[in-house]
Amino acid sequence: MTIAEQPWRAGKGCVIVRVRLTPKSSIEGVDGVIPSAEGQALATRVRAVPAEGEANAAVEKLIARWLDVPKSSVRVTAGGKSRIKSLTISGETDCLERRLMAKLAGAS
């Protein structure tokens, strides 16, 4: 996966991941990388409804579980009321990028 195809970018002590969230899904999960108007995004599905921040909290929990990082390290930092969101994952940047690449390689 080239840098242009990655749905994330490295920050200082974090990785910022673009996700496309589908709320009210029958199953939860990360379905891989898809194109979006803003660039590549992780396709994610959660059962929660998009009301009162429930879907945002659910996607934070989903990504934390998927990457095996503490839930407190994952935050929606942009797109709180949109399907396309930016999640900031705090931690060691190289380690987080390796986890993302490994998870996506296993999903394909």
PDB file of N, CA and C in Angstrom:
ATOM      1  N   MET A   1       0.855  -1.172   0.000  1.00  0.00           N
ATOM      2  CA  MET A   1       0.000   0.000   0.000  1.00  0.00           C
ATOM      3  C   MET A   1       0.900   1.232   0.000  1.00  0.00           C
ATOM      4  N   THR A   2       0.710   2.110  -0.966  1.00  0.00           N
ATOM      5  CA  THR A   2       1.507   3.326  -1.037  1.00  0.00           C
ATOM      6  C   THR A   2       0.952   4.368  -0.077  1.00  0.00           C
ATOM      7  N   ILE A   3       1.753   5.388   0.158  1.00  0.00           N
ATOM      8  CA  ILE A   3       1.322   6.449   1.070  1.00  0.00           C
ATOM      9  C   ILE A   3       0.038   7.102   0.571  1.00  0.00           C
ATOM     10  N   ALA A   4      -0.084   7.277  -0.749  1.00  0.00           N
ATOM     11  CA  ALA A   4      -1.291   7.899  -1.308  1.00  0.00           C
ATOM     12  C   ALA A   4      -2.532   7.040  -1.090  1.00  0.00           C
ATOM     13  N   GLU A   5      -2.354   5.725  -0.947  1.00  0.00           N
ATOM     14  CA  GLU A   5      -3.483   4.811  -0.764  1.00  0.00           C
ATOM     15  C   GLU A   5      -3.846   4.609   0.700  1.00  0.00           C
ATOM     16  N   GLN A   6      -3.032   5.104   1.605  1.00  0.00           N
ATOM     17  CA  GLN A   6      -3.275   4.896   3.026  1.00  0.00           C
ATOM     18  C   GLN A   6      -4.378   5.824   3.525  1.00  0.00           C
ATOM     19  N   PRO A   7      -5.289   5.292   4.329  1.00  0.00           N
ATOM     20  CA  PRO A   7      -6.329   6.145   4.909  1.00  0.00           C
ATOM     21  C   PRO A   7      -5.873   6.817   6.204  1.00  0.00           C
ATOM     22  N   TRP A   8      -4.578   6.911   6.430  1.00  0.00           N
ATOM     23  CA  TRP A   8      -4.063   7.551   7.629  1.00  0.00           C
ATOM     24  C   TRP A   8      -2.840   8.380   7.280  1.00  0.00           C
ATOM     25  N   ARG A   9      -2.500   9.253   8.240  1.00  0.00           N
ATOM     26  CA  ARG A   9      -1.259  10.007   8.137  1.00  0.00           C
ATOM     27  C   ARG A   9      -0.639  10.075   9.526  1.00  0.00           C
ATOM     28  N   ALA A  10       0.667  10.136   9.554  1.00  0.00           N
ATOM     29  CA  ALA A  10       1.378  10.190  10.821  1.00  0.00           C
ATOM     30  C   ALA A  10       1.326  11.599  11.378  1.00  0.00           C
ATOM     31  N   GLY A  11       1.124  11.685  12.669  1.00  0.00           N
ATOM     32  CA  GLY A  11       1.183  12.952  13.380  1.00  0.00           C
ATOM     33  C   GLY A  11       2.296  12.864  14.411  1.00  0.00           C
ATOM     34  N   LYS A  12       2.375  13.835  15.270  1.00  0.00           N
ATOM     35  CA  LYS A  12       3.387  13.817  16.322  1.00  0.00           C
ATOM     36  C   LYS A  12       2.840  13.018  17.501  1.00  0.00           C
ATOM     37  N   GLY A  13       3.330  11.809  17.669  1.00  0.00           N
ATOM     38  CA  GLY A  13       2.849  10.950  18.747  1.00  0.00           C
ATOM     39  C   GLY A  13       1.466  10.382  18.512  1.00  0.00           C
ATOM     40  N   CYS A  14       1.062  10.338  17.233  1.00  0.00           N
ATOM     41  CA  CYS A  14      -0.264   9.815  16.921  1.00  0.00           C
ATOM     42  C   CYS A  14      -0.359   9.462  15.439  1.00  0.00           C
ATOM     43  N   VAL A  15      -1.436   8.795  15.098  1.00  0.00           N
ATOM     44  CA  VAL A  15      -1.797   8.540  13.708  1.00  0.00           C
ATOM     45  C   VAL A  15      -3.226   9.043  13.542  1.00  0.00           C
ATOM     46  N   ILE A  16      -3.481   9.753  12.452  1.00  0.00           N
ATOM     47  CA  ILE A  16      -4.815  10.282  12.171  1.00  0.00           C
ATOM     48  C   ILE A  16      -5.410   9.449  11.047  1.00  0.00           C
ATOM     49  N   VAL A  17      -6.505   8.769  11.350  1.00  0.00           N
ATOM     50  CA  VAL A  17      -7.122   7.824  10.423  1.00  0.00           C
ATOM     51  C   VAL A  17      -8.453   8.386   9.931  1.00  0.00           C
ATOM     52  N   ARG A  18      -8.657   8.323   8.624  1.00  0.00           N
ATOM     53  CA  ARG A  18      -9.949   8.723   8.036  1.00  0.00           C
ATOM     54  C   ARG A  18     -10.819   7.476   7.956  1.00  0.00           C
ATOM     55  N   VAL A  19     -12.036   7.566   8.458  1.00  0.00           N
ATOM     56  CA  VAL A  19     -12.973   6.441   8.395  1.00  0.00           C
ATOM     57  C   VAL A  19     -14.277   6.891   7.751  1.00  0.00           C
ATOM     58  N   ARG A  20     -14.922   5.960   7.098  1.00  0.00           N
ATOM     59  CA  ARG A  20     -16.289   6.180   6.615  1.00  0.00           C
ATOM     60  C   ARG A  20     -17.164   5.276   7.467  1.00  0.00           C
ATOM     61  N   LEU A  21     -18.013   5.881   8.264  1.00  0.00           N
ATOM     62  CA  LEU A  21     -18.814   5.154   9.240  1.00  0.00           C
ATOM     63  C   LEU A  21     -20.217   4.881   8.723  1.00  0.00           C
ATOM     64  N   THR A  22     -20.634   3.633   8.857  1.00  0.00           N
ATOM     65  CA  THR A  22     -22.016   3.251   8.583  1.00  0.00           C
ATOM     66  C   THR A  22     -22.653   2.887   9.922  1.00  0.00           C
ATOM     67  N   PRO A  23     -23.538   3.747  10.443  1.00  0.00           N
ATOM     68  CA  PRO A  23     -24.215   3.434  11.705  1.00  0.00           C
ATOM     69  C   PRO A  23     -25.422   2.531  11.459  1.00  0.00           C
ATOM     70  N   LYS A  24     -26.017   2.064  12.529  1.00  0.00           N
ATOM     71  CA  LYS A  24     -27.222   1.213  12.488  1.00  0.00           C
ATOM     72  C   LYS A  24     -27.023  -0.021  11.610  1.00  0.00           C
ATOM     73  N   SER A  25     -25.826  -0.594  11.651  1.00  0.00           N
ATOM     74  CA  SER A  25     -25.529  -1.799  10.878  1.00  0.00           C
ATOM     75  C   SER A  25     -25.918  -3.034  11.690  1.00  0.00           C
ATOM     76  N   SER A  26     -26.183  -4.125  11.002  1.00  0.00           N
ATOM     77  CA  SER A  26     -26.517  -5.362  11.712  1.00  0.00           C
ATOM     78  C   SER A  26     -25.273  -6.001  12.324  1.00  0.00           C
ATOM     79  N   ILE A  27     -24.098  -5.700  11.777  1.00  0.00           N
ATOM     80  CA  ILE A  27     -22.852  -6.207  12.348  1.00  0.00           C
ATOM     81  C   ILE A  27     -21.838  -5.077  12.446  1.00  0.00           C
ATOM     82  N   GLU A  28     -20.875  -5.238  13.356  1.00  0.00           N
ATOM     83  CA  GLU A  28     -19.822  -4.246  13.519  1.00  0.00           C
ATOM     84  C   GLU A  28     -18.537  -4.778  12.919  1.00  0.00           C
ATOM     85  N   GLY A  29     -17.742  -3.880  12.361  1.00  0.00           N
ATOM     86  CA  GLY A  29     -16.457  -4.307  11.852  1.00  0.00           C
ATOM     87  C   GLY A  29     -15.791  -3.274  10.972  1.00  0.00           C
ATOM     88  N   VAL A  30     -14.556  -3.608  10.592  1.00  0.00           N
ATOM     89  CA  VAL A  30     -13.774  -2.815   9.651  1.00  0.00           C
ATOM     90  C   VAL A  30     -13.704  -3.631   8.375  1.00  0.00           C
ATOM     91  N   ASP A  31     -14.141  -3.026   7.271  1.00  0.00           N
ATOM     92  CA  ASP A  31     -14.264  -3.755   6.010  1.00  0.00           C
ATOM     93  C   ASP A  31     -13.149  -3.478   5.017  1.00  0.00           C
ATOM     94  N   GLY A  32     -12.126  -2.750   5.408  1.00  0.00           N
ATOM     95  CA  GLY A  32     -11.027  -2.457   4.499  1.00  0.00           C
ATOM     96  C   GLY A  32     -11.031  -1.004   4.065  1.00  0.00           C
ATOM     97  N   VAL A  33     -10.263  -0.726   3.013  1.00  0.00           N
ATOM     98  CA  VAL A  33     -10.081   0.639   2.528  1.00  0.00           C
ATOM     99  C   VAL A  33     -10.986   0.882   1.325  1.00  0.00           C
ATOM    100  N   ILE A  34     -11.657   2.036   1.342  1.00  0.00           N
ATOM    101  CA  ILE A  34     -12.526   2.422   0.225  1.00  0.00           C
ATOM    102  C   ILE A  34     -12.216   3.867  -0.170  1.00  0.00           C
ATOM    103  N   PRO A  35     -12.522   4.241  -1.411  1.00  0.00           N
ATOM    104  CA  PRO A  35     -12.332   5.643  -1.800  1.00  0.00           C
ATOM    105  C   PRO A  35     -13.457   6.510  -1.232  1.00  0.00           C
ATOM    106  N   SER A  36     -13.124   7.747  -0.921  1.00  0.00           N
ATOM    107  CA  SER A  36     -14.137   8.721  -0.498  1.00  0.00           C
ATOM    108  C   SER A  36     -13.787  10.050  -1.149  1.00  0.00           C
ATOM    109  N   ALA A  37     -14.664  11.007  -1.044  1.00  0.00           N
ATOM    110  CA  ALA A  37     -14.416  12.323  -1.636  1.00  0.00           C
ATOM    111  C   ALA A  37     -13.171  12.979  -1.039  1.00  0.00           C
ATOM    112  N   GLU A  38     -12.864  12.672   0.204  1.00  0.00           N
ATOM    113  CA  GLU A  38     -11.709  13.253   0.888  1.00  0.00           C
ATOM    114  C   GLU A  38     -10.438  12.437   0.700  1.00  0.00           C
ATOM    115  N   GLY A  39     -10.516  11.295   0.043  1.00  0.00           N
ATOM    116  CA  GLY A  39      -9.377  10.389  -0.117  1.00  0.00           C
ATOM    117  C   GLY A  39      -9.753   9.008   0.388  1.00  0.00           C
ATOM    118  N   GLN A  40      -8.781   8.148   0.536  1.00  0.00           N
ATOM    119  CA  GLN A  40      -9.033   6.794   1.018  1.00  0.00           C
ATOM    120  C   GLN A  40      -9.534   6.837   2.462  1.00  0.00           C
ATOM    121  N   ALA A  41     -10.400   5.886   2.802  1.00  0.00           N
ATOM    122  CA  ALA A  41     -10.955   5.819   4.158  1.00  0.00           C
ATOM    123  C   ALA A  41     -11.138   4.365   4.560  1.00  0.00           C
ATOM    124  N   LEU A  42     -11.083   4.108   5.857  1.00  0.00           N
ATOM    125  CA  LEU A  42     -11.420   2.785   6.377  1.00  0.00           C
ATOM    126  C   LEU A  42     -12.935   2.675   6.425  1.00  0.00           C
ATOM    127  N   ALA A  43     -13.477   1.653   5.812  1.00  0.00           N
ATOM    128  CA  ALA A  43     -14.922   1.418   5.870  1.00  0.00           C
ATOM    129  C   ALA A  43     -15.225   0.737   7.199  1.00  0.00           C
ATOM    130  N   THR A  44     -16.055   1.373   8.015  1.00  0.00           N
ATOM    131  CA  THR A  44     -16.394   0.831   9.327  1.00  0.00           C
ATOM    132  C   THR A  44     -17.902   0.782   9.492  1.00  0.00           C
ATOM    133  N   ARG A  45     -18.351  -0.217  10.267  1.00  0.00           N
ATOM    134  CA  ARG A  45     -19.785  -0.369  10.557  1.00  0.00           C
ATOM    135  C   ARG A  45     -19.965  -0.570  12.053  1.00  0.00           C
ATOM    136  N   VAL A  46     -20.967   0.110  12.596  1.00  0.00           N
ATOM    137  CA  VAL A  46     -21.314  -0.061  14.011  1.00  0.00           C
ATOM    138  C   VAL A  46     -22.819  -0.214  14.147  1.00  0.00           C
ATOM    139  N   ARG A  47     -23.233  -0.828  15.243  1.00  0.00           N
ATOM    140  CA  ARG A  47     -24.667  -1.020  15.502  1.00  0.00           C
ATOM    141  C   ARG A  47     -25.332   0.241  16.043  1.00  0.00           C
ATOM    142  N   ALA A  48     -24.562   1.093  16.669  1.00  0.00           N
ATOM    143  CA  ALA A  48     -25.106   2.285  17.334  1.00  0.00           C
ATOM    144  C   ALA A  48     -25.777   3.232  16.344  1.00  0.00           C
ATOM    145  N   VAL A  49     -26.731   3.979  16.871  1.00  0.00           N
ATOM    146  CA  VAL A  49     -27.432   4.980  16.057  1.00  0.00           C
ATOM    147  C   VAL A  49     -26.637   6.290  16.078  1.00  0.00           C
ATOM    148  N   PRO A  50     -26.783   7.097  15.026  1.00  0.00           N
ATOM    149  CA  PRO A  50     -26.034   8.359  14.980  1.00  0.00           C
ATOM    150  C   PRO A  50     -26.737   9.473  15.755  1.00  0.00           C
ATOM    151  N   ALA A  51     -26.938   9.260  17.026  1.00  0.00           N
ATOM    152  CA  ALA A  51     -27.603  10.257  17.868  1.00  0.00           C
ATOM    153  C   ALA A  51     -26.838  10.391  19.179  1.00  0.00           C
ATOM    154  N   GLU A  52     -26.699  11.619  19.633  1.00  0.00           N
ATOM    155  CA  GLU A  52     -26.075  11.911  20.923  1.00  0.00           C
ATOM    156  C   GLU A  52     -24.680  11.314  21.051  1.00  0.00           C
ATOM    157  N   GLY A  53     -23.944  11.233  19.945  1.00  0.00           N
ATOM    158  CA  GLY A  53     -22.570  10.753  19.976  1.00  0.00           C
ATOM    159  C   GLY A  53     -22.410   9.253  20.124  1.00  0.00           C
ATOM    160  N   GLU A  54     -23.509   8.499  20.055  1.00  0.00           N
ATOM    161  CA  GLU A  54     -23.422   7.049  20.256  1.00  0.00           C
ATOM    162  C   GLU A  54     -22.588   6.369  19.172  1.00  0.00           C
ATOM    163  N   ALA A  55     -22.789   6.746  17.916  1.00  0.00           N
ATOM    164  CA  ALA A  55     -22.025   6.127  16.832  1.00  0.00           C
ATOM    165  C   ALA A  55     -20.550   6.515  16.916  1.00  0.00           C
ATOM    166  N   ASN A  56     -20.269   7.749  17.306  1.00  0.00           N
ATOM    167  CA  ASN A  56     -18.875   8.174  17.465  1.00  0.00           C
ATOM    168  C   ASN A  56     -18.183   7.365  18.561  1.00  0.00           C
ATOM    169  N   ALA A  57     -18.844   7.189  19.681  1.00  0.00           N
ATOM    170  CA  ALA A  57     -18.275   6.388  20.770  1.00  0.00           C
ATOM    171  C   ALA A  57     -18.076   4.946  20.323  1.00  0.00           C
ATOM    172  N   ALA A  58     -19.013   4.430  19.541  1.00  0.00           N
ATOM    173  CA  ALA A  58     -18.914   3.047  19.072  1.00  0.00           C
ATOM    174  C   ALA A  58     -17.753   2.867  18.101  1.00  0.00           C
ATOM    175  N   VAL A  59     -17.522   3.843  17.220  1.00  0.00           N
ATOM    176  CA  VAL A  59     -16.408   3.703  16.272  1.00  0.00           C
ATOM    177  C   VAL A  59     -15.069   3.842  17.001  1.00  0.00           C
ATOM    178  N   GLU A  60     -15.002   4.674  18.029  1.00  0.00           N
ATOM    179  CA  GLU A  60     -13.779   4.760  18.833  1.00  0.00           C
ATOM    180  C   GLU A  60     -13.476   3.408  19.477  1.00  0.00           C
ATOM    181  N   LYS A  61     -14.490   2.805  20.055  1.00  0.00           N
ATOM    182  CA  LYS A  61     -14.327   1.499  20.706  1.00  0.00           C
ATOM    183  C   LYS A  61     -13.953   0.423  19.689  1.00  0.00           C
ATOM    184  N   LEU A  62     -14.610   0.442  18.522  1.00  0.00           N
ATOM    185  CA  LEU A  62     -14.328  -0.535  17.471  1.00  0.00           C
ATOM    186  C   LEU A  62     -12.878  -0.455  17.009  1.00  0.00           C
ATOM    187  N   ILE A  63     -12.398   0.743  16.709  1.00  0.00           N
ATOM    188  CA  ILE A  63     -11.027   0.907  16.215  1.00  0.00           C
ATOM    189  C   ILE A  63     -10.020   0.543  17.304  1.00  0.00           C
ATOM    190  N   ALA A  64     -10.294   0.904  18.545  1.00  0.00           N
ATOM    191  CA  ALA A  64      -9.401   0.535  19.647  1.00  0.00           C
ATOM    192  C   ALA A  64      -9.295  -0.982  19.765  1.00  0.00           C
ATOM    193  N   ARG A  65     -10.427  -1.656  19.690  1.00  0.00           N
ATOM    194  CA  ARG A  65     -10.432  -3.121  19.773  1.00  0.00           C
ATOM    195  C   ARG A  65      -9.719  -3.726  18.563  1.00  0.00           C
ATOM    196  N   TRP A  66      -9.993  -3.201  17.371  1.00  0.00           N
ATOM    197  CA  TRP A  66      -9.417  -3.708  16.123  1.00  0.00           C
ATOM    198  C   TRP A  66      -7.893  -3.591  16.121  1.00  0.00           C
ATOM    199  N   LEU A  67      -7.364  -2.481  16.656  1.00  0.00           N
ATOM    200  CA  LEU A  67      -5.915  -2.267  16.689  1.00  0.00           C
ATOM    201  C   LEU A  67      -5.273  -2.721  17.994  1.00  0.00           C
ATOM    202  N   ASP A  68      -6.081  -3.194  18.940  1.00  0.00           N
ATOM    203  CA  ASP A  68      -5.590  -3.636  20.242  1.00  0.00           C
ATOM    204  C   ASP A  68      -4.826  -2.515  20.955  1.00  0.00           C
ATOM    205  N   VAL A  69      -5.481  -1.365  21.048  1.00  0.00           N
ATOM    206  CA  VAL A  69      -4.940  -0.225  21.787  1.00  0.00           C
ATOM    207  C   VAL A  69      -5.988   0.190  22.819  1.00  0.00           C
ATOM    208  N   PRO A  70      -5.590   0.926  23.850  1.00  0.00           N
ATOM    209  CA  PRO A  70      -6.578   1.373  24.833  1.00  0.00           C
ATOM    210  C   PRO A  70      -7.632   2.276  24.195  1.00  0.00           C
ATOM    211  N   LYS A  71      -8.877   2.117  24.620  1.00  0.00           N
ATOM    212  CA  LYS A  71      -9.963   2.942  24.081  1.00  0.00           C
ATOM    213  C   LYS A  71      -9.694   4.423  24.312  1.00  0.00           C
ATOM    214  N   SER A  72      -9.039   4.735  25.409  1.00  0.00           N
ATOM    215  CA  SER A  72      -8.752   6.138  25.726  1.00  0.00           C
ATOM    216  C   SER A  72      -7.780   6.782  24.739  1.00  0.00           C
ATOM    217  N   SER A  73      -7.096   5.975  23.930  1.00  0.00           N
ATOM    218  CA  SER A  73      -6.145   6.537  22.963  1.00  0.00           C
ATOM    219  C   SER A  73      -6.793   6.866  21.620  1.00  0.00           C
ATOM    220  N   VAL A  74      -8.077   6.538  21.437  1.00  0.00           N
ATOM    221  CA  VAL A  74      -8.769   6.769  20.164  1.00  0.00           C
ATOM    222  C   VAL A  74      -9.855   7.821  20.368  1.00  0.00           C
ATOM    223  N   ARG A  75      -9.816   8.881  19.556  1.00  0.00           N
ATOM    224  CA  ARG A  75     -10.796   9.962  19.662  1.00  0.00           C
ATOM    225  C   ARG A  75     -11.223  10.436  18.281  1.00  0.00           C
ATOM    226  N   VAL A  76     -12.522  10.686  18.114  1.00  0.00           N
ATOM    227  CA  VAL A  76     -13.016  11.348  16.905  1.00  0.00           C
ATOM    228  C   VAL A  76     -12.608  12.811  17.033  1.00  0.00           C
ATOM    229  N   THR A  77     -11.798  13.287  16.082  1.00  0.00           N
ATOM    230  CA  THR A  77     -11.303  14.663  16.162  1.00  0.00           C
ATOM    231  C   THR A  77     -11.843  15.554  15.052  1.00  0.00           C
ATOM    232  N   ALA A  78     -12.524  14.972  14.077  1.00  0.00           N
ATOM    233  CA  ALA A  78     -13.161  15.766  13.014  1.00  0.00           C
ATOM    234  C   ALA A  78     -14.298  14.945  12.424  1.00  0.00           C
ATOM    235  N   GLY A  79     -15.328  15.627  11.956  1.00  0.00           N
ATOM    236  CA  GLY A  79     -16.450  14.943  11.321  1.00  0.00           C
ATOM    237  C   GLY A  79     -17.425  14.329  12.292  1.00  0.00           C
ATOM    238  N   GLY A  80     -17.564  14.902  13.456  1.00  0.00           N
ATOM    239  CA  GLY A  80     -18.442  14.350  14.479  1.00  0.00           C
ATOM    240  C   GLY A  80     -19.873  14.113  14.033  1.00  0.00           C
ATOM    241  N   LYS A  81     -20.352  14.896  13.073  1.00  0.00           N
ATOM    242  CA  LYS A  81     -21.728  14.732  12.594  1.00  0.00           C
ATOM    243  C   LYS A  81     -21.765  14.273  11.142  1.00  0.00           C
ATOM    244  N   SER A  82     -20.663  13.746  10.661  1.00  0.00           N
ATOM    245  CA  SER A  82     -20.544  13.310   9.269  1.00  0.00           C
ATOM    246  C   SER A  82     -20.228  11.820   9.218  1.00  0.00           C
ATOM    247  N   ARG A  83     -20.480  11.199   8.079  1.00  0.00           N
ATOM    248  CA  ARG A  83     -20.089   9.793   7.913  1.00  0.00           C
ATOM    249  C   ARG A  83     -18.575   9.657   7.770  1.00  0.00           C
ATOM    250  N   ILE A  84     -17.933  10.674   7.169  1.00  0.00           N
ATOM    251  CA  ILE A  84     -16.476  10.668   7.041  1.00  0.00           C
ATOM    252  C   ILE A  84     -15.913  11.369   8.272  1.00  0.00           C
ATOM    253  N   LYS A  85     -15.083  10.645   9.019  1.00  0.00           N
ATOM    254  CA  LYS A  85     -14.548  11.158  10.276  1.00  0.00           C
ATOM    255  C   LYS A  85     -13.037  11.011  10.301  1.00  0.00           C
ATOM    256  N   SER A  86     -12.396  11.824  11.103  1.00  0.00           N
ATOM    257  CA  SER A  86     -10.980  11.654  11.399  1.00  0.00           C
ATOM    258  C   SER A  86     -10.872  11.193  12.839  1.00  0.00           C
ATOM    259  N   LEU A  87     -10.147  10.105  13.032  1.00  0.00           N
ATOM    260  CA  LEU A  87      -9.891   9.591  14.372  1.00  0.00           C
ATOM    261  C   LEU A  87      -8.410   9.762  14.660  1.00  0.00           C
ATOM    262  N   THR A  88      -8.091  10.319  15.806  1.00  0.00           N
ATOM    263  CA  THR A  88      -6.708  10.440  16.231  1.00  0.00           C
ATOM    264  C   THR A  88      -6.430   9.314  17.214  1.00  0.00           C
ATOM    265  N   ILE A  89      -5.393   8.531  16.889  1.00  0.00           N
ATOM    266  CA  ILE A  89      -4.990   7.415  17.741  1.00  0.00           C
ATOM    267  C   ILE A  89      -3.640   7.783  18.338  1.00  0.00           C
ATOM    268  N   SER A  90      -3.608   7.999  19.641  1.00  0.00           N
ATOM    269  CA  SER A  90      -2.380   8.384  20.323  1.00  0.00           C
ATOM    270  C   SER A  90      -1.518   7.160  20.575  1.00  0.00           C
ATOM    271  N   GLY A  91      -0.225   7.354  20.442  1.00  0.00           N
ATOM    272  CA  GLY A  91       0.705   6.266  20.691  1.00  0.00           C
ATOM    273  C   GLY A  91       1.931   6.396  19.814  1.00  0.00           C
ATOM    274  N   GLU A  92       2.756   5.372  19.841  1.00  0.00           N
ATOM    275  CA  GLU A  92       3.989   5.363  19.061  1.00  0.00           C
ATOM    276  C   GLU A  92       3.648   5.215  17.584  1.00  0.00           C
ATOM    277  N   THR A  93       3.968   6.221  16.805  1.00  0.00           N
ATOM    278  CA  THR A  93       3.535   6.319  15.413  1.00  0.00           C
ATOM    279  C   THR A  93       3.935   5.110  14.579  1.00  0.00           C
ATOM    280  N   ASP A  94       5.204   4.705  14.640  1.00  0.00           N
ATOM    281  CA  ASP A  94       5.665   3.570  13.823  1.00  0.00           C
ATOM    282  C   ASP A  94       4.911   2.292  14.162  1.00  0.00           C
ATOM    283  N   CYS A  95       4.703   2.058  15.437  1.00  0.00           N
ATOM    284  CA  CYS A  95       3.980   0.863  15.883  1.00  0.00           C
ATOM    285  C   CYS A  95       2.536   0.884  15.384  1.00  0.00           C
ATOM    286  N   LEU A  96       1.886   2.027  15.487  1.00  0.00           N
ATOM    287  CA  LEU A  96       0.498   2.136  15.028  1.00  0.00           C
ATOM    288  C   LEU A  96       0.398   1.926  13.521  1.00  0.00           C
ATOM    289  N   GLU A  97       1.340   2.493  12.763  1.00  0.00           N
ATOM    290  CA  GLU A  97       1.312   2.309  11.311  1.00  0.00           C
ATOM    291  C   GLU A  97       1.534   0.844  10.937  1.00  0.00           C
ATOM    292  N   ARG A  98       2.435   0.172  11.636  1.00  0.00           N
ATOM    293  CA  ARG A  98       2.658  -1.267  11.372  1.00  0.00           C
ATOM    294  C   ARG A  98       1.397  -2.076  11.671  1.00  0.00           C
ATOM    295  N   ARG A  99       0.716  -1.749  12.760  1.00  0.00           N
ATOM    296  CA  ARG A  99      -0.531  -2.455  13.097  1.00  0.00           C
ATOM    297  C   ARG A  99      -1.594  -2.234  12.028  1.00  0.00           C
ATOM    298  N   LEU A 100      -1.733  -0.993  11.576  1.00  0.00           N
ATOM    299  CA  LEU A 100      -2.707  -0.695  10.524  1.00  0.00           C
ATOM    300  C   LEU A 100      -2.390  -1.479   9.252  1.00  0.00           C
ATOM    301  N   MET A 101      -1.126  -1.468   8.836  1.00  0.00           N
ATOM    302  CA  MET A 101      -0.744  -2.191   7.617  1.00  0.00           C
ATOM    303  C   MET A 101      -0.982  -3.688   7.761  1.00  0.00           C
ATOM    304  N   ALA A 102      -0.639  -4.243   8.924  1.00  0.00           N
ATOM    305  CA  ALA A 102      -0.835  -5.679   9.146  1.00  0.00           C
ATOM    306  C   ALA A 102      -2.317  -6.038   9.135  1.00  0.00           C
ATOM    307  N   LYS A 103      -3.135  -5.235   9.794  1.00  0.00           N
ATOM    308  CA  LYS A 103      -4.577  -5.508   9.820  1.00  0.00           C
ATOM    309  C   LYS A 103      -5.172  -5.443   8.422  1.00  0.00           C
ATOM    310  N   LEU A 104      -4.782  -4.448   7.652  1.00  0.00           N
ATOM    311  CA  LEU A 104      -5.330  -4.300   6.306  1.00  0.00           C
ATOM    312  C   LEU A 104      -4.803  -5.370   5.361  1.00  0.00           C
ATOM    313  N   ALA A 105      -3.570  -5.806   5.553  1.00  0.00           N
ATOM    314  CA  ALA A 105      -3.030  -6.896   4.731  1.00  0.00           C
ATOM    315  C   ALA A 105      -3.782  -8.186   5.029  1.00  0.00           C
ATOM    316  N   GLY A 106      -4.153  -8.394   6.289  1.00  0.00           N
ATOM    317  CA  GLY A 106      -4.910  -9.581   6.669  1.00  0.00           C
ATOM    318  C   GLY A 106      -6.351  -9.544   6.208  1.00  0.00           C
ATOM    319  N   ALA A 107      -6.876  -8.342   5.967  1.00  0.00           N
ATOM    320  CA  ALA A 107      -8.274  -8.196   5.540  1.00  0.00           C
ATOM    321  C   ALA A 107      -8.448  -8.429   4.052  1.00  0.00           C
ATOM    322  N   SER A 108      -7.356  -8.334   3.283  1.00  0.00           N
ATOM    323  CA  SER A 108      -7.501  -8.476   1.827  1.00  0.00           C
ATOM    324  C   SER A 108      -7.322  -9.894   1.359  1.00  0.00           C
TER     325      SER A 108
END
